[in-house]
Protein backbone atom coordinates (compact mmCIF):
# COMPACT_ATOMS: atom_id res chain seq x y z
CA MET A 1 -8.47 28.05 24.31
CA ASP A 2 -8.51 26.20 21.28
CA VAL A 3 -10.28 27.25 17.91
CA TRP A 4 -13.40 24.72 18.59
CA GLN A 5 -14.07 26.18 22.02
CA LEU A 6 -13.78 29.86 20.33
CA VAL A 7 -16.43 28.49 18.10
CA LEU A 8 -18.55 26.93 20.82
CA VAL A 9 -18.42 30.53 22.71
CA GLY A 10 -19.40 32.44 19.55
CA LEU A 11 -22.28 30.16 18.71
CA VAL A 12 -23.34 30.54 22.68
CA MET A 13 -23.24 34.33 22.09
CA LEU A 14 -25.22 34.22 18.75
CA LEU A 15 -27.75 32.01 20.94
CA GLY A 16 -27.86 35.13 23.55
CA LEU A 17 -28.39 37.53 20.45
CA PHE A 18 -31.51 35.81 19.35
CA GLY A 19 -32.16 35.40 22.68
CA VAL A 20 -32.82 39.16 23.06
CA LEU A 21 -35.48 39.14 20.22
CA VAL A 22 -37.53 36.23 22.17
CA PRO A 23 -39.71 37.32 25.06
CA GLY A 24 -39.01 35.35 27.83
CA VAL A 25 -35.51 34.30 26.90
CA PRO A 26 -32.63 35.94 28.99
CA GLY A 27 -30.16 36.98 26.14
CA GLN A 28 -28.31 39.53 28.16
CA ALA A 29 -27.27 36.73 30.73
CA ILE A 30 -26.70 34.22 28.12
CA VAL A 31 -24.30 36.76 26.37
CA TRP A 32 -22.76 37.36 29.46
CA ALA A 33 -22.38 33.72 30.79
CA SER A 34 -20.55 33.08 27.19
CA VAL A 35 -17.95 35.87 28.14
CA LEU A 36 -17.46 34.62 31.56
CA TRP A 37 -16.95 31.37 30.00
CA TRP A 38 -14.40 32.42 27.65
CA SER A 39 -12.61 34.80 30.36
CA LEU A 40 -12.18 31.57 32.89
CA SER A 41 -10.85 29.54 30.00
CA ASP A 42 -8.46 31.94 28.84
CA THR A 43 -7.03 33.97 31.63
CA SER A 44 -5.41 36.68 29.96
CA ARG A 45 -5.79 40.65 31.20
CA VAL A 46 -7.58 40.95 27.81
CA ALA A 47 -10.34 38.42 28.65
CA TRP A 48 -10.59 39.74 32.27
CA ALA A 49 -10.81 43.50 30.69
CA VAL A 50 -13.41 42.45 28.42
CA LEU A 51 -15.43 40.64 31.14
CA ILE A 52 -15.36 43.64 33.42
CA GLY A 53 -16.67 46.04 30.61
CA ALA A 54 -19.25 43.27 29.71
CA THR A 55 -20.27 43.21 33.03
CA ALA A 56 -20.51 46.87 33.53
CA LEU A 57 -22.25 47.77 30.23
CA LEU A 58 -25.18 44.69 30.89
CA LEU A 59 -25.64 46.26 34.41
CA LEU A 60 -25.85 49.70 33.30
CA ASN A 61 -28.52 48.22 30.58
CA GLN A 62 -30.29 46.69 33.38
CA ALA A 63 -30.17 49.97 35.21
CA LEU A 64 -31.66 52.13 32.41
CA ARG A 65 -34.26 49.24 31.83
CA PRO A 66 -37.11 51.19 33.76
CA LEU A 67 -36.23 54.34 32.14
CA LEU A 68 -37.46 52.97 28.70
CA PRO A 69 -40.87 52.14 27.16
CA PRO A 70 -41.93 48.40 27.70
CA ARG A 71 -42.07 46.24 25.00
CA ARG A 72 -45.68 46.19 23.82
CA THR A 73 -45.98 45.53 20.12
CA SER A 74 -49.75 44.36 20.99
CA ARG A 75 -50.39 48.25 20.95
CA THR A 76 -49.10 49.09 17.50
CA GLY A 77 -50.89 46.61 15.51
CA ALA A 78 -47.47 45.21 14.29
CA PRO A 79 -46.95 41.52 14.29
CA ARG A 80 -44.05 40.21 16.36
CA HIS A 81 -41.95 39.55 13.57
CA THR A 82 -41.62 43.07 12.59
CA LEU A 83 -39.00 43.11 15.47
CA LEU A 84 -37.43 39.76 14.83
CA VAL A 85 -37.13 40.95 11.39
CA GLY A 86 -35.43 44.44 12.70
CA GLY A 87 -33.58 42.51 15.44
CA VAL A 88 -31.94 40.29 12.71
CA SER A 89 -30.99 42.99 10.56
CA GLY A 90 -29.59 44.57 13.26
CA ILE A 91 -27.64 42.00 14.28
CA ALA A 92 -26.50 41.51 10.67
CA GLY A 93 -25.92 45.61 10.47
CA PHE A 94 -23.77 45.64 12.99
CA PHE A 95 -20.90 43.30 11.73
CA VAL A 96 -21.45 44.72 8.05
CA VAL A 97 -21.02 48.30 9.13
CA PRO A 98 -19.43 48.10 12.62
CA VAL A 99 -21.55 49.55 15.45
CA VAL A 100 -23.60 51.95 13.36
CA GLY A 101 -24.94 49.55 11.17
CA GLY A 102 -26.70 47.70 14.04
CA ILE A 103 -28.99 50.79 14.72
CA LEU A 104 -29.39 51.52 11.16
CA GLY A 105 -30.08 47.58 10.57
CA PHE A 106 -32.76 47.32 13.17
CA VAL A 107 -34.88 50.26 11.91
CA GLY A 108 -34.08 49.39 8.47
CA GLY A 109 -35.53 45.72 9.17
CA VAL A 110 -38.56 47.30 11.22
CA TYR A 111 -39.16 49.85 8.13
CA TRP A 112 -38.80 47.13 5.67
CA ALA A 113 -41.13 44.53 7.57
CA GLU A 114 -43.65 47.16 8.22
CA ARG A 115 -43.53 48.67 4.59
CA SER A 116 -43.89 45.04 3.05
CA ARG A 117 -47.00 44.51 5.36
CA LEU A 118 -48.87 47.90 4.76
CA GLY A 119 -47.73 48.42 0.90
CA SER A 120 -46.63 51.89 0.92
CA HIS A 121 -43.82 53.92 2.05
CA ARG A 122 -46.01 56.55 4.15
CA ALA A 123 -47.90 53.64 5.97
CA GLY A 124 -44.72 51.81 6.61
CA TRP A 125 -42.68 54.88 7.93
CA ALA A 126 -45.87 55.75 10.37
CA SER A 127 -45.87 52.36 11.82
CA THR A 128 -42.07 52.15 11.87
CA ARG A 129 -42.42 55.41 14.03
CA MET A 130 -45.10 53.93 16.12
CA VAL A 131 -43.21 50.58 16.73
CA MET A 132 -39.55 52.26 17.62
CA ARG A 133 -41.75 54.42 20.35
CA THR A 134 -43.80 51.56 21.91
CA ALA A 135 -41.57 48.48 21.82
CA GLY A 136 -38.33 49.18 19.41
CA TYR A 137 -36.30 51.46 21.63
CA SER A 138 -36.11 49.17 24.63
CA LEU A 139 -35.37 46.36 22.35
CA LEU A 140 -32.83 47.98 20.26
CA VAL A 141 -30.73 49.33 23.59
CA GLU A 142 -30.84 45.92 25.06
CA LEU A 143 -29.84 44.26 21.46
CA PHE A 144 -27.01 47.01 21.06
CA ALA A 145 -25.54 46.53 24.64
CA CYS A 146 -25.30 42.78 23.64
CA LEU A 147 -23.68 43.60 20.21
CA LEU A 148 -21.10 45.83 21.91
CA VAL A 149 -20.50 42.90 24.17
CA VAL A 150 -19.72 40.49 21.15
CA GLY A 151 -17.95 42.89 19.20
CA ALA A 152 -15.63 43.38 22.33
CA TRP A 153 -15.16 39.54 22.55
CA LEU A 154 -14.94 39.26 18.98
CA GLY A 155 -12.04 42.15 18.64
CA ALA A 156 -10.24 40.80 21.73
CA VAL A 157 -10.23 37.36 20.21
CA ILE A 158 -9.05 38.63 16.81
CA SER A 159 -6.14 40.86 18.55
CA THR A 160 -4.92 37.73 20.81
CA ARG A 161 -4.85 35.30 17.78
């Protein structure tokens, strides 16, 4: 697979990551389809191992989905852009501080958005806890699973080049 195809696969994965943040967009399916596209083009053992791992992780995420609270941001009073800011911060944090940065970035982004909206530390933190309980955990788990798949793909691409 040449460099331009890898860039296209990466852009589709990025689209899938942002798709996780938008209700109604199948972000996990887009991320998985891009890994499938890459593994069908690059038929190495590493590519197939990443595809198998991505499939198992995303299926596990789908199995755990009913155990998590549904995404109901309307119950918190927080606008939808709060979770969007948290998601974008989580994506950036995952690549700045690998793995742990995704979680810290997500929660930090939600807190920052809520503190900016409400104006105080105490109210921002209380609202962040409420947002995480009602909608944030389920979004964070789905986003984190997709980030792990993208991280595995990125690691495989870098190691084989």
